[in-house]
PDB file of N, CA and C in Angstrom:
ATOM      1  N   UNK A   1     103.269  98.761 109.085  1.00  0.00           N
ATOM      2  CA  UNK A   1     104.389  97.855 108.710  1.00  0.00           C
ATOM      3  C   UNK A   1     105.446  98.865 108.104  1.00  0.00           C
ATOM      4  N   UNK A   2     106.340  99.028 108.664  1.00  0.00           N
ATOM      5  CA  UNK A   2     107.407  99.791 108.187  1.00  0.00           C
ATOM      6  C   UNK A   2     108.120  99.343 106.943  1.00  0.00           C
ATOM      7  N   UNK A   3     108.088 100.320 105.898  1.00  0.00           N
ATOM      8  CA  UNK A   3     108.884 100.148 104.511  1.00  0.00           C
ATOM      9  C   UNK A   3     110.037 100.962 104.493  1.00  0.00           C
ATOM     10  N   UNK A   4     110.939 100.600 103.806  1.00  0.00           N
ATOM     11  CA  UNK A   4     112.163 101.194 103.635  1.00  0.00           C
ATOM     12  C   UNK A   4     112.835 101.231 102.135  1.00  0.00           C
ATOM     13  N   UNK A   5     112.933 102.233 101.649  1.00  0.00           N
ATOM     14  CA  UNK A   5     113.435 102.424 100.226  1.00  0.00           C
ATOM     15  C   UNK A   5     114.561 103.279 100.089  1.00  0.00           C
ATOM     16  N   UNK A   6     115.477 102.565  99.633  1.00  0.00           N
ATOM     17  CA  UNK A   6     117.067 103.194  99.667  1.00  0.00           C
ATOM     18  C   UNK A   6     116.858 103.914  97.946  1.00  0.00           C
ATOM     19  N   UNK A   7     117.889 104.990  97.987  1.00  0.00           N
ATOM     20  CA  UNK A   7     118.188 105.400  96.402  1.00  0.00           C
ATOM     21  C   UNK A   7     119.677 106.017  96.668  1.00  0.00           C
ATOM     22  N   UNK A   8     120.138 106.441  95.648  1.00  0.00           N
ATOM     23  CA  UNK A   8     121.372 107.425  95.553  1.00  0.00           C
ATOM     24  C   UNK A   8     122.484 106.426  95.234  1.00  0.00           C
ATOM     25  N   UNK A   9     122.506 105.259  95.124  1.00  0.00           N
ATOM     26  CA  UNK A   9     123.893 104.433  94.903  1.00  0.00           C
ATOM     27  C   UNK A   9     124.234 104.768  93.304  1.00  0.00           C
ATOM     28  N   UNK A  10     125.489 104.118  93.039  1.00  0.00           N
ATOM     29  CA  UNK A  10     125.962 104.514  91.643  1.00  0.00           C
ATOM     30  C   UNK A  10     127.426 103.859  91.649  1.00  0.00           C
ATOM     31  N   UNK A  11     128.099 104.312  90.469  1.00  0.00           N
ATOM     32  CA  UNK A  11     129.452 104.022  90.096  1.00  0.00           C
ATOM     33  C   UNK A  11     130.254 105.147  90.202  1.00  0.00           C
ATOM     34  N   UNK A  12     131.306 105.120  90.967  1.00  0.00           N
ATOM     35  CA  UNK A  12     132.055 106.298  91.011  1.00  0.00           C
ATOM     36  C   UNK A  12     133.689 106.020  90.967  1.00  0.00           C
ATOM     37  N   UNK A  13     134.396 107.053  90.840  1.00  0.00           N
ATOM     38  CA  UNK A  13     135.951 106.500  91.069  1.00  0.00           C
ATOM     39  C   UNK A  13     136.330 107.092  92.369  1.00  0.00           C
ATOM     40  N   UNK A  14     137.350 106.433  93.008  1.00  0.00           N
ATOM     41  CA  UNK A  14     137.879 106.977  94.473  1.00  0.00           C
ATOM     42  C   UNK A  14     138.128 108.337  94.442  1.00  0.00           C
ATOM     43  N   UNK A  15     137.755 108.664  95.772  1.00  0.00           N
ATOM     44  CA  UNK A  15     137.720 109.972  95.979  1.00  0.00           C
ATOM     45  C   UNK A  15     136.767 110.732  95.990  1.00  0.00           C
ATOM     46  N   UNK A  16     135.554 110.371  95.112  1.00  0.00           N
ATOM     47  CA  UNK A  16     134.432 111.118  94.855  1.00  0.00           C
ATOM     48  C   UNK A  16     133.683 110.736  96.042  1.00  0.00           C
ATOM     49  N   UNK A  17     132.299 111.700  95.844  1.00  0.00           N
ATOM     50  CA  UNK A  17     131.355 111.547  96.839  1.00  0.00           C
ATOM     51  C   UNK A  17     130.020 111.060  96.284  1.00  0.00           C
ATOM     52  N   UNK A  18     129.140 110.523  97.155  1.00  0.00           N
ATOM     53  CA  UNK A  18     127.788 110.162  97.010  1.00  0.00           C
ATOM     54  C   UNK A  18     126.754 110.396  98.388  1.00  0.00           C
ATOM     55  N   UNK A  19     125.807 110.773  97.994  1.00  0.00           N
ATOM     56  CA  UNK A  19     124.786 110.466  99.011  1.00  0.00           C
ATOM     57  C   UNK A  19     123.677 109.781  99.084  1.00  0.00           C
ATOM     58  N   UNK A  20     123.382 108.725  99.908  1.00  0.00           N
ATOM     59  CA  UNK A  20     122.472 107.769  99.880  1.00  0.00           C
ATOM     60  C   UNK A  20     121.081 108.181 100.571  1.00  0.00           C
ATOM     61  N   UNK A  21     120.002 108.145  99.994  1.00  0.00           N
ATOM     62  CA  UNK A  21     118.720 108.418 100.699  1.00  0.00           C
ATOM     63  C   UNK A  21     118.020 107.332 101.152  1.00  0.00           C
ATOM     64  N   UNK A  22     117.164 107.214 102.135  1.00  0.00           N
ATOM     65  CA  UNK A  22     116.377 106.107 102.574  1.00  0.00           C
ATOM     66  C   UNK A  22     115.081 106.739 102.895  1.00  0.00           C
ATOM     67  N   UNK A  23     113.783 106.283 102.342  1.00  0.00           N
ATOM     68  CA  UNK A  23     112.405 106.862 102.530  1.00  0.00           C
ATOM     69  C   UNK A  23     111.790 105.724 103.488  1.00  0.00           C
ATOM     70  N   UNK A  24     111.658 105.982 104.790  1.00  0.00           N
ATOM     71  CA  UNK A  24     110.853 105.047 105.636  1.00  0.00           C
ATOM     72  C   UNK A  24     109.722 105.410 105.815  1.00  0.00           C
ATOM     73  N   UNK A  25     108.666 104.717 105.641  1.00  0.00           N
ATOM     74  CA  UNK A  25     107.237 104.948 105.934  1.00  0.00           C
ATOM     75  C   UNK A  25     106.462 104.151 106.864  1.00  0.00           C
ATOM     76  N   UNK A  26     105.454 104.712 107.477  1.00  0.00           N
ATOM     77  CA  UNK A  26     104.721 103.795 108.472  1.00  0.00           C
ATOM     78  C   UNK A  26     105.553 103.793 109.611  1.00  0.00           C
ATOM     79  N   UNK A  27     106.477 104.683 110.067  1.00  0.00           N
ATOM     80  CA  UNK A  27     107.156 104.770 111.223  1.00  0.00           C
ATOM     81  C   UNK A  27     106.327 105.610 112.366  1.00  0.00           C
ATOM     82  N   UNK A  28     105.619 104.716 113.115  1.00  0.00           N
ATOM     83  CA  UNK A  28     104.567 105.410 114.139  1.00  0.00           C
ATOM     84  C   UNK A  28     105.362 105.529 115.338  1.00  0.00           C
ATOM     85  N   UNK A  29     106.447 105.020 115.590  1.00  0.00           N
ATOM     86  CA  UNK A  29     107.121 105.233 116.902  1.00  0.00           C
ATOM     87  C   UNK A  29     107.850 106.526 117.140  1.00  0.00           C
ATOM     88  N   UNK A  30     107.783 106.807 118.515  1.00  0.00           N
ATOM     89  CA  UNK A  30     108.216 108.251 118.854  1.00  0.00           C
ATOM     90  C   UNK A  30     109.764 107.760 119.186  1.00  0.00           C
ATOM     91  N   UNK A  31     109.908 106.657 119.531  1.00  0.00           N
ATOM     92  CA  UNK A  31     111.528 106.249 119.818  1.00  0.00           C
ATOM     93  C   UNK A  31     111.878 105.292 118.876  1.00  0.00           C
ATOM     94  N   UNK A  32     113.075 105.426 118.365  1.00  0.00           N
ATOM     95  CA  UNK A  32     113.487 104.394 117.292  1.00  0.00           C
ATOM     96  C   UNK A  32     114.896 104.627 116.988  1.00  0.00           C
ATOM     97  N   UNK A  33     115.469 103.767 116.157  1.00  0.00           N
ATOM     98  CA  UNK A  33     117.017 104.106 115.538  1.00  0.00           C
ATOM     99  C   UNK A  33     116.860 103.498 114.201  1.00  0.00           C
ATOM    100  N   UNK A  34     117.788 104.274 113.284  1.00  0.00           N
ATOM    101  CA  UNK A  34     117.985 103.725 111.903  1.00  0.00           C
ATOM    102  C   UNK A  34     119.477 103.699 111.908  1.00  0.00           C
ATOM    103  N   UNK A  35     119.900 102.886 110.824  1.00  0.00           N
ATOM    104  CA  UNK A  35     121.325 102.941 110.560  1.00  0.00           C
ATOM    105  C   UNK A  35     121.244 102.436 108.981  1.00  0.00           C
ATOM    106  N   UNK A  36     122.414 102.611 108.688  1.00  0.00           N
ATOM    107  CA  UNK A  36     123.083 102.119 107.249  1.00  0.00           C
ATOM    108  C   UNK A  36     123.944 100.902 107.602  1.00  0.00           C
ATOM    109  N   UNK A  37     123.630  99.782 106.735  1.00  0.00           N
ATOM    110  CA  UNK A  37     124.530  98.543 106.873  1.00  0.00           C
ATOM    111  C   UNK A  37     124.855  98.386 105.552  1.00  0.00           C
ATOM    112  N   UNK A  38     126.076  97.666 105.305  1.00  0.00           N
ATOM    113  CA  UNK A  38     126.491  97.189 103.960  1.00  0.00           C
ATOM    114  C   UNK A  38     127.047  95.867 103.974  1.00  0.00           C
ATOM    115  N   UNK A  39     126.848  95.368 102.730  1.00  0.00           N
ATOM    116  CA  UNK A  39     127.494  93.856 102.495  1.00  0.00           C
ATOM    117  C   UNK A  39     128.227  94.088 101.390  1.00  0.00           C
ATOM    118  N   UNK A  40     129.757  93.911 101.351  1.00  0.00           N
ATOM    119  CA  UNK A  40     130.730  93.571 100.565  1.00  0.00           C
ATOM    120  C   UNK A  40     130.454  92.343 100.022  1.00  0.00           C
ATOM    121  N   UNK A  41     130.943  92.089  98.664  1.00  0.00           N
ATOM    122  CA  UNK A  41     131.040  90.647  98.153  1.00  0.00           C
ATOM    123  C   UNK A  41     131.997  89.786  99.048  1.00  0.00           C
ATOM    124  N   UNK A  42     131.141  88.510  99.160  1.00  0.00           N
ATOM    125  CA  UNK A  42     132.022  87.778 100.200  1.00  0.00           C
ATOM    126  C   UNK A  42     132.041  88.081 101.644  1.00  0.00           C
ATOM    127  N   UNK A  43     131.574  88.897 101.970  1.00  0.00           N
ATOM    128  CA  UNK A  43     131.618  89.510 103.286  1.00  0.00           C
ATOM    129  C   UNK A  43     130.240  89.676 104.158  1.00  0.00           C
ATOM    130  N   UNK A  44     130.511  89.220 105.278  1.00  0.00           N
ATOM    131  CA  UNK A  44     129.236  89.528 106.229  1.00  0.00           C
ATOM    132  C   UNK A  44     128.740  91.092 106.015  1.00  0.00           C
ATOM    133  N   UNK A  45     127.498  91.198 106.515  1.00  0.00           N
ATOM    134  CA  UNK A  45     126.963  92.347 106.683  1.00  0.00           C
ATOM    135  C   UNK A  45     127.267  93.054 107.843  1.00  0.00           C
ATOM    136  N   UNK A  46     127.502  94.444 107.560  1.00  0.00           N
ATOM    137  CA  UNK A  46     128.464  95.461 108.566  1.00  0.00           C
ATOM    138  C   UNK A  46     127.632  96.644 108.796  1.00  0.00           C
ATOM    139  N   UNK A  47     127.561  96.938 109.976  1.00  0.00           N
ATOM    140  CA  UNK A  47     127.015  98.159 110.408  1.00  0.00           C
ATOM    141  C   UNK A  47     127.924  99.455 109.988  1.00  0.00           C
ATOM    142  N   UNK A  48     127.412 100.276 109.219  1.00  0.00           N
ATOM    143  CA  UNK A  48     128.277 101.442 108.785  1.00  0.00           C
ATOM    144  C   UNK A  48     127.990 102.694 109.853  1.00  0.00           C
ATOM    145  N   UNK A  49     126.797 103.219 110.236  1.00  0.00           N
ATOM    146  CA  UNK A  49     126.539 104.186 110.745  1.00  0.00           C
ATOM    147  C   UNK A  49     125.266 104.309 111.276  1.00  0.00           C
ATOM    148  N   UNK A  50     124.777 104.627 112.512  1.00  0.00           N
ATOM    149  CA  UNK A  50     123.479 104.500 113.165  1.00  0.00           C
ATOM    150  C   UNK A  50     122.778 106.101 113.801  1.00  0.00           C
ATOM    151  N   UNK A  51     121.850 106.352 113.710  1.00  0.00           N
ATOM    152  CA  UNK A  51     121.290 107.440 114.673  1.00  0.00           C
ATOM    153  C   UNK A  51     120.075 106.975 115.395  1.00  0.00           C
ATOM    154  N   UNK A  52     119.786 107.637 116.279  1.00  0.00           N
ATOM    155  CA  UNK A  52     118.589 107.261 117.127  1.00  0.00           C
ATOM    156  C   UNK A  52     117.450 108.660 117.102  1.00  0.00           C
ATOM    157  N   UNK A  53     116.251 108.262 117.527  1.00  0.00           N
ATOM    158  CA  UNK A  53     115.351 109.289 117.525  1.00  0.00           C
ATOM    159  C   UNK A  53     115.757 110.619 118.213  1.00  0.00           C
ATOM    160  N   UNK A  54     116.755 110.490 119.123  1.00  0.00           N
ATOM    161  CA  UNK A  54     117.062 111.788 119.752  1.00  0.00           C
ATOM    162  C   UNK A  54     118.252 112.623 118.912  1.00  0.00           C
ATOM    163  N   UNK A  55     118.590 112.061 117.876  1.00  0.00           N
ATOM    164  CA  UNK A  55     119.683 112.445 117.202  1.00  0.00           C
ATOM    165  C   UNK A  55     121.095 112.363 117.145  1.00  0.00           C
ATOM    166  N   UNK A  56     121.306 111.188 118.106  1.00  0.00           N
ATOM    167  CA  UNK A  56     122.643 110.976 118.513  1.00  0.00           C
ATOM    168  C   UNK A  56     123.155 110.013 117.427  1.00  0.00           C
ATOM    169  N   UNK A  57     124.397 109.684 116.939  1.00  0.00           N
ATOM    170  CA  UNK A  57     124.674 109.157 116.055  1.00  0.00           C
ATOM    171  C   UNK A  57     126.214 108.382 116.498  1.00  0.00           C
ATOM    172  N   UNK A  58     126.524 107.205 115.647  1.00  0.00           N
ATOM    173  CA  UNK A  58     127.582 106.539 115.933  1.00  0.00           C
ATOM    174  C   UNK A  58     128.076 105.905 114.595  1.00  0.00           C
ATOM    175  N   UNK A  59     129.391 105.990 114.237  1.00  0.00           N
ATOM    176  CA  UNK A  59     129.876 105.363 112.996  1.00  0.00           C
ATOM    177  C   UNK A  59     130.809 104.372 113.012  1.00  0.00           C
ATOM    178  N   UNK A  60     131.095 103.410 112.292  1.00  0.00           N
ATOM    179  CA  UNK A  60     132.130 102.312 112.183  1.00  0.00           C
ATOM    180  C   UNK A  60     133.421 103.082 112.006  1.00  0.00           C
ATOM    181  N   UNK A  61     134.339 102.521 112.784  1.00  0.00           N
ATOM    182  CA  UNK A  61     135.909 103.057 112.904  1.00  0.00           C
ATOM    183  C   UNK A  61     136.207 103.383 111.269  1.00  0.00           C
ATOM    184  N   UNK A  62     135.851 102.235 110.322  1.00  0.00           N
ATOM    185  CA  UNK A  62     136.333 102.363 109.030  1.00  0.00           C
ATOM    186  C   UNK A  62     135.700 103.575 108.263  1.00  0.00           C
ATOM    187  N   UNK A  63     134.785 104.162 108.903  1.00  0.00           N
ATOM    188  CA  UNK A  63     134.072 105.489 107.691  1.00  0.00           C
ATOM    189  C   UNK A  63     134.279 106.606 108.697  1.00  0.00           C
ATOM    190  N   UNK A  64     134.525 106.612 109.634  1.00  0.00           N
ATOM    191  CA  UNK A  64     134.670 107.835 110.576  1.00  0.00           C
ATOM    192  C   UNK A  64     135.409 108.947 109.886  1.00  0.00           C
ATOM    193  N   UNK A  65     135.136 110.186 109.938  1.00  0.00           N
ATOM    194  CA  UNK A  65     135.546 111.330 109.328  1.00  0.00           C
ATOM    195  C   UNK A  65     135.294 111.220 107.672  1.00  0.00           C
ATOM    196  N   UNK A  66     134.636 110.413 107.280  1.00  0.00           N
ATOM    197  CA  UNK A  66     134.410 110.369 105.613  1.00  0.00           C
ATOM    198  C   UNK A  66     132.762 110.234 105.674  1.00  0.00           C
ATOM    199  N   UNK A  67     131.966 109.431 106.223  1.00  0.00           N
ATOM    200  CA  UNK A  67     130.475 109.160 106.163  1.00  0.00           C
ATOM    201  C   UNK A  67     129.930 109.846 107.244  1.00  0.00           C
ATOM    202  N   UNK A  68     128.713 110.556 106.982  1.00  0.00           N
ATOM    203  CA  UNK A  68     128.046 111.199 107.796  1.00  0.00           C
ATOM    204  C   UNK A  68     126.497 110.763 107.670  1.00  0.00           C
ATOM    205  N   UNK A  69     125.945 110.244 108.995  1.00  0.00           N
ATOM    206  CA  UNK A  69     124.547 109.878 108.856  1.00  0.00           C
ATOM    207  C   UNK A  69     123.395 111.043 109.168  1.00  0.00           C
ATOM    208  N   UNK A  70     122.400 111.315 108.924  1.00  0.00           N
ATOM    209  CA  UNK A  70     121.486 112.398 109.204  1.00  0.00           C
ATOM    210  C   UNK A  70     120.059 111.776 108.777  1.00  0.00           C
ATOM    211  N   UNK A  71     119.250 112.567 109.653  1.00  0.00           N
ATOM    212  CA  UNK A  71     117.470 112.112 109.076  1.00  0.00           C
ATOM    213  C   UNK A  71     116.863 113.317 109.242  1.00  0.00           C
ATOM    214  N   UNK A  72     115.807 113.477 108.560  1.00  0.00           N
ATOM    215  CA  UNK A  72     114.427 114.060 108.869  1.00  0.00           C
ATOM    216  C   UNK A  72     113.439 113.428 108.991  1.00  0.00           C
ATOM    217  N   UNK A  73     112.526 114.219 109.733  1.00  0.00           N
ATOM    218  CA  UNK A  73     111.044 113.536 109.867  1.00  0.00           C
ATOM    219  C   UNK A  73     109.895 114.387 109.542  1.00  0.00           C
ATOM    220  N   UNK A  74     108.886 113.677 109.068  1.00  0.00           N
ATOM    221  CA  UNK A  74     107.741 114.716 108.603  1.00  0.00           C
ATOM    222  C   UNK A  74     106.475 113.690 108.941  1.00  0.00           C
ATOM    223  N   UNK A  75     105.843 113.833 110.046  1.00  0.00           N
ATOM    224  CA  UNK A  75     104.856 112.805 110.687  1.00  0.00           C
ATOM    225  C   UNK A  75     105.373 111.471 110.676  1.00  0.00           C
ATOM    226  N   UNK A  76     104.675 110.499 109.890  1.00  0.00           N
ATOM    227  CA  UNK A  76     105.231 109.157 110.127  1.00  0.00           C
ATOM    228  C   UNK A  76     106.245 108.881 108.834  1.00  0.00           C
ATOM    229  N   UNK A  77     106.775 109.530 108.324  1.00  0.00           N
ATOM    230  CA  UNK A  77     107.713 109.571 107.287  1.00  0.00           C
ATOM    231  C   UNK A  77     108.924 110.083 107.563  1.00  0.00           C
ATOM    232  N   UNK A  78     110.134 109.058 107.418  1.00  0.00           N
ATOM    233  CA  UNK A  78     111.419 109.696 107.965  1.00  0.00           C
ATOM    234  C   UNK A  78     112.272 109.456 106.623  1.00  0.00           C
ATOM    235  N   UNK A  79     113.177 110.403 106.279  1.00  0.00           N
ATOM    236  CA  UNK A  79     114.254 110.406 105.439  1.00  0.00           C
ATOM    237  C   UNK A  79     115.619 110.175 105.826  1.00  0.00           C
ATOM    238  N   UNK A  80     116.259 109.290 105.599  1.00  0.00           N
ATOM    239  CA  UNK A  80     117.308 108.810 106.006  1.00  0.00           C
ATOM    240  C   UNK A  80     118.617 109.045 105.203  1.00  0.00           C
ATOM    241  N   UNK A  81     119.686 109.649 105.428  1.00  0.00           N
ATOM    242  CA  UNK A  81     120.811 109.924 104.434  1.00  0.00           C
ATOM    243  C   UNK A  81     122.092 109.639 105.089  1.00  0.00           C
ATOM    244  N   UNK A  82     122.726 109.256 103.950  1.00  0.00           N
ATOM    245  CA  UNK A  82     124.312 108.963 104.226  1.00  0.00           C
ATOM    246  C   UNK A  82     125.084 109.715 103.303  1.00  0.00           C
ATOM    247  N   UNK A  83     125.870 110.716 103.781  1.00  0.00           N
ATOM    248  CA  UNK A  83     126.854 111.234 102.850  1.00  0.00           C
ATOM    249  C   UNK A  83     127.870 110.812 102.846  1.00  0.00           C
ATOM    250  N   UNK A  84     128.351 110.246 101.901  1.00  0.00           N
ATOM    251  CA  UNK A  84     129.941 109.430 101.737  1.00  0.00           C
ATOM    252  C   UNK A  84     130.754 110.352 101.123  1.00  0.00           C
ATOM    253  N   UNK A  85     131.964 110.610 101.684  1.00  0.00           N
ATOM    254  CA  UNK A  85     132.928 111.583 100.951  1.00  0.00           C
ATOM    255  C   UNK A  85     134.120 110.756 100.881  1.00  0.00           C
ATOM    256  N   UNK A  86     135.110 111.038 100.107  1.00  0.00           N
ATOM    257  CA  UNK A  86     136.334 110.511 100.113  1.00  0.00           C
ATOM    258  C   UNK A  86     136.444 109.097  99.945  1.00  0.00           C
ATOM    259  N   UNK A  87     135.569 108.431  98.926  1.00  0.00           N
ATOM    260  CA  UNK A  87     134.984 107.033  98.841  1.00  0.00           C
ATOM    261  C   UNK A  87     136.487 106.233  98.139  1.00  0.00           C
ATOM    262  N   UNK A  88     136.573 105.111  98.905  1.00  0.00           N
ATOM    263  CA  UNK A  88     137.647 104.217  98.690  1.00  0.00           C
ATOM    264  C   UNK A  88     136.962 102.926  97.856  1.00  0.00           C
ATOM    265  N   UNK A  89     137.678 102.061  97.278  1.00  0.00           N
ATOM    266  CA  UNK A  89     137.354 100.971  96.698  1.00  0.00           C
ATOM    267  C   UNK A  89     136.565  99.920  97.536  1.00  0.00           C
ATOM    268  N   UNK A  90     137.176  99.998  98.873  1.00  0.00           N
ATOM    269  CA  UNK A  90     136.848  99.141  99.987  1.00  0.00           C
ATOM    270  C   UNK A  90     135.436  99.495 100.376  1.00  0.00           C
ATOM    271  N   UNK A  91     134.873 100.495 100.003  1.00  0.00           N
ATOM    272  CA  UNK A  91     133.614 101.007 100.444  1.00  0.00           C
ATOM    273  C   UNK A  91     132.530 100.256  99.503  1.00  0.00           C
ATOM    274  N   UNK A  92     133.028  99.701  98.196  1.00  0.00           N
ATOM    275  CA  UNK A  92     132.272  99.070  97.393  1.00  0.00           C
ATOM    276  C   UNK A  92     131.431  97.813  97.989  1.00  0.00           C
ATOM    277  N   UNK A  93     129.816  98.060  98.026  1.00  0.00           N
ATOM    278  CA  UNK A  93     129.034  97.030  98.651  1.00  0.00           C
ATOM    279  C   UNK A  93     127.418  97.581  98.232  1.00  0.00           C
ATOM    280  N   UNK A  94     126.666  96.486  98.812  1.00  0.00           N
ATOM    281  CA  UNK A  94     125.395  96.918  98.518  1.00  0.00           C
ATOM    282  C   UNK A  94     125.114  97.563  99.755  1.00  0.00           C
ATOM    283  N   UNK A  95     124.397  99.055 100.040  1.00  0.00           N
ATOM    284  CA  UNK A  95     124.098  99.627 101.265  1.00  0.00           C
ATOM    285  C   UNK A  95     122.722  99.288 101.477  1.00  0.00           C
ATOM    286  N   UNK A  96     122.241  98.961 102.697  1.00  0.00           N
ATOM    287  CA  UNK A  96     120.875  98.830 103.202  1.00  0.00           C
ATOM    288  C   UNK A  96     120.788  99.753 104.179  1.00  0.00           C
ATOM    289  N   UNK A  97     119.380 100.116 104.146  1.00  0.00           N
ATOM    290  CA  UNK A  97     118.855 101.069 105.388  1.00  0.00           C
ATOM    291  C   UNK A  97     118.097 100.023 106.259  1.00  0.00           C
ATOM    292  N   UNK A  98     118.089 100.533 107.605  1.00  0.00           N
ATOM    293  CA  UNK A  98     117.633  99.447 108.519  1.00  0.00           C
ATOM    294  C   UNK A  98     116.995 100.223 109.561  1.00  0.00           C
ATOM    295  N   UNK A  99     115.944  99.822 110.012  1.00  0.00           N
ATOM    296  CA  UNK A  99     115.353 100.434 111.380  1.00  0.00           C
ATOM    297  C   UNK A  99     114.901  99.582 112.395  1.00  0.00           C
ATOM    298  N   UNK A 100     114.618  99.819 113.517  1.00  0.00           N
ATOM    299  CA  UNK A 100     114.433  99.238 114.855  1.00  0.00           C
ATOM    300  C   UNK A 100     113.630 100.171 115.896  1.00  0.00           C
ATOM    301  N   UNK A 101     112.755  99.720 116.476  1.00  0.00           N
ATOM    302  CA  UNK A 101     111.957 100.458 117.482  1.00  0.00           C
ATOM    303  C   UNK A 101     112.776 100.539 118.549  1.00  0.00           C
ATOM    304  N   UNK A 102     113.773  99.619 119.024  1.00  0.00           N
ATOM    305  CA  UNK A 102     114.525  99.459 120.140  1.00  0.00           C
ATOM    306  C   UNK A 102     115.620 100.556 120.288  1.00  0.00           C
ATOM    307  N   UNK A 103     115.263 101.859 120.324  1.00  0.00           N
ATOM    308  CA  UNK A 103     116.269 103.014 120.493  1.00  0.00           C
ATOM    309  C   UNK A 103     117.342 102.860 121.513  1.00  0.00           C
ATOM    310  N   UNK A 104     117.001 102.096 122.440  1.00  0.00           N
ATOM    311  CA  UNK A 104     118.014 101.936 123.644  1.00  0.00           C
ATOM    312  C   UNK A 104     119.166 100.850 123.129  1.00  0.00           C
ATOM    313  N   UNK A 105     118.821 100.085 121.957  1.00  0.00           N
ATOM    314  CA  UNK A 105     119.801  99.055 121.550  1.00  0.00           C
ATOM    315  C   UNK A 105     120.527  99.537 120.412  1.00  0.00           C
ATOM    316  N   UNK A 106     120.634 100.989 120.092  1.00  0.00           N
ATOM    317  CA  UNK A 106     121.044 101.123 118.717  1.00  0.00           C
ATOM    318  C   UNK A 106     122.439 100.735 118.587  1.00  0.00           C
ATOM    319  N   UNK A 107     123.143 101.167 119.460  1.00  0.00           N
ATOM    320  CA  UNK A 107     124.813 100.754 119.309  1.00  0.00           C
ATOM    321  C   UNK A 107     125.016  99.576 119.273  1.00  0.00           C
ATOM    322  N   UNK A 108     124.056  98.623 120.007  1.00  0.00           N
ATOM    323  CA  UNK A 108     124.465  97.139 120.160  1.00  0.00           C
ATOM    324  C   UNK A 108     123.818  96.498 118.580  1.00  0.00           C
ATOM    325  N   UNK A 109     122.680  97.287 118.067  1.00  0.00           N
ATOM    326  CA  UNK A 109     122.207  96.679 116.624  1.00  0.00           C
ATOM    327  C   UNK A 109     123.317  96.963 115.655  1.00  0.00           C
ATOM    328  N   UNK A 110     124.016  98.175 115.848  1.00  0.00           N
ATOM    329  CA  UNK A 110     124.808  98.589 114.684  1.00  0.00           C
ATOM    330  C   UNK A 110     126.231  97.331 114.929  1.00  0.00           C
ATOM    331  N   UNK A 111     126.505  96.947 115.802  1.00  0.00           N
ATOM    332  CA  UNK A 111     127.338  95.833 116.009  1.00  0.00           C
ATOM    333  C   UNK A 111     127.072  94.595 115.747  1.00  0.00           C
ATOM    334  N   UNK A 112     125.601  94.271 115.612  1.00  0.00           N
ATOM    335  CA  UNK A 112     125.046  93.180 115.297  1.00  0.00           C
ATOM    336  C   UNK A 112     123.865  93.541 114.196  1.00  0.00           C
ATOM    337  N   UNK A 113     124.117  93.968 113.151  1.00  0.00           N
ATOM    338  CA  UNK A 113     123.173  94.586 112.068  1.00  0.00           C
ATOM    339  C   UNK A 113     122.266  93.408 111.603  1.00  0.00           C
ATOM    340  N   UNK A 114     122.377  92.185 111.603  1.00  0.00           N
ATOM    341  CA  UNK A 114     121.451  91.522 111.371  1.00  0.00           C
ATOM    342  C   UNK A 114     120.156  91.331 112.204  1.00  0.00           C
ATOM    343  N   UNK A 115     120.284  92.060 113.363  1.00  0.00           N
ATOM    344  CA  UNK A 115     119.224  92.005 114.495  1.00  0.00           C
ATOM    345  C   UNK A 115     118.411  93.182 114.204  1.00  0.00           C
ATOM    346  N   UNK A 116     118.556  94.052 113.376  1.00  0.00           N
ATOM    347  CA  UNK A 116     117.573  95.001 112.860  1.00  0.00           C
ATOM    348  C   UNK A 116     116.309  94.538 112.669  1.00  0.00           C
ATOM    349  N   UNK A 117     115.100  95.016 112.870  1.00  0.00           N
ATOM    350  CA  UNK A 117     113.765  94.508 112.382  1.00  0.00           C
ATOM    351  C   UNK A 117     113.556  94.527 111.150  1.00  0.00           C
ATOM    352  N   UNK A 118     113.803  95.781 110.767  1.00  0.00           N
ATOM    353  CA  UNK A 118     113.280  96.250 109.549  1.00  0.00           C
ATOM    354  C   UNK A 118     114.520  96.836 108.432  1.00  0.00           C
ATOM    355  N   UNK A 119     114.692  95.959 107.067  1.00  0.00           N
ATOM    356  CA  UNK A 119     115.716  96.426 106.152  1.00  0.00           C
ATOM    357  C   UNK A 119     115.177  96.824 104.939  1.00  0.00           C
ATOM    358  N   UNK A 120     115.547  97.622 104.229  1.00  0.00           N
ATOM    359  CA  UNK A 120     115.342  97.875 102.790  1.00  0.00           C
ATOM    360  C   UNK A 120     115.931  96.747 101.750  1.00  0.00           C
ATOM    361  N   UNK A 121     115.668  97.040 100.488  1.00  0.00           N
ATOM    362  CA  UNK A 121     116.135  96.045  99.662  1.00  0.00           C
ATOM    363  C   UNK A 121     117.715  96.242  99.076  1.00  0.00           C
ATOM    364  N   UNK A 122     118.264  97.779  99.394  1.00  0.00           N
ATOM    365  CA  UNK A 122     119.629  97.851  99.081  1.00  0.00           C
ATOM    366  C   UNK A 122     119.640  98.662  97.982  1.00  0.00           C
ATOM    367  N   UNK A 123     120.947  99.443  97.848  1.00  0.00           N
ATOM    368  CA  UNK A 123     121.203 100.267  96.709  1.00  0.00           C
ATOM    369  C   UNK A 123     122.712  99.902  96.627  1.00  0.00           C
ATOM    370  N   UNK A 124     123.312  99.767  95.181  1.00  0.00           N
ATOM    371  CA  UNK A 124     124.510  99.349  94.977  1.00  0.00           C
ATOM    372  C   UNK A 124     125.559 100.484  95.133  1.00  0.00           C
ATOM    373  N   UNK A 125     126.780 100.663  95.616  1.00  0.00           N
ATOM    374  CA  UNK A 125     127.798 101.405  95.420  1.00  0.00           C
ATOM    375  C   UNK A 125     128.757 100.748  94.840  1.00  0.00           C
ATOM    376  N   UNK A 126     129.603 101.325  93.921  1.00  0.00           N
ATOM    377  CA  UNK A 126     130.862 100.690  93.238  1.00  0.00           C
ATOM    378  C   UNK A 126     131.663 101.839  93.394  1.00  0.00           C
ATOM    379  N   UNK A 127     133.331 101.486  93.973  1.00  0.00           N
ATOM    380  CA  UNK A 127     134.118 102.508  93.795  1.00  0.00           C
ATOM    381  C   UNK A 127     135.284 101.783  92.999  1.00  0.00           C
ATOM    382  N   UNK A 128     135.670 102.579  91.993  1.00  0.00           N
ATOM    383  CA  UNK A 128     136.738 102.136  91.261  1.00  0.00           C
ATOM    384  C   UNK A 128     137.913 102.990  91.321  1.00  0.00           C
ATOM    385  N   UNK A 129     139.017 102.235  91.117  1.00  0.00           N
ATOM    386  CA  UNK A 129     140.378 102.951  91.299  1.00  0.00           C
ATOM    387  C   UNK A 129     140.771 104.114  90.132  1.00  0.00           C
TER     388      UNK A 129
END
């Protein structure tokens, strides 16, 4: 059973940077995809960035050039990162780590984030002016 635990959220001012981390355990699949999702107050869950087990990445237009997704793997434990630079107030949201074994559907899942099989509890990011 895959478990995802996020950390690294916080309250910062606009223009600052944060790095989120997610430790994924029991990932026994050789082919998979992972992503960062977010839910802003009063809005639907949005796919922020995704990466597949081949290292290919894709990001939402709203964060391109500012956010970078990456990951490392040690046996069945994966650590997923989201480097967030030049943060804006509109980036304020609960950020979730998500995973799925359907690597070929990674980009579809990014556009349909509620379809990810596993999701963590989230970490709050608040950006003030």
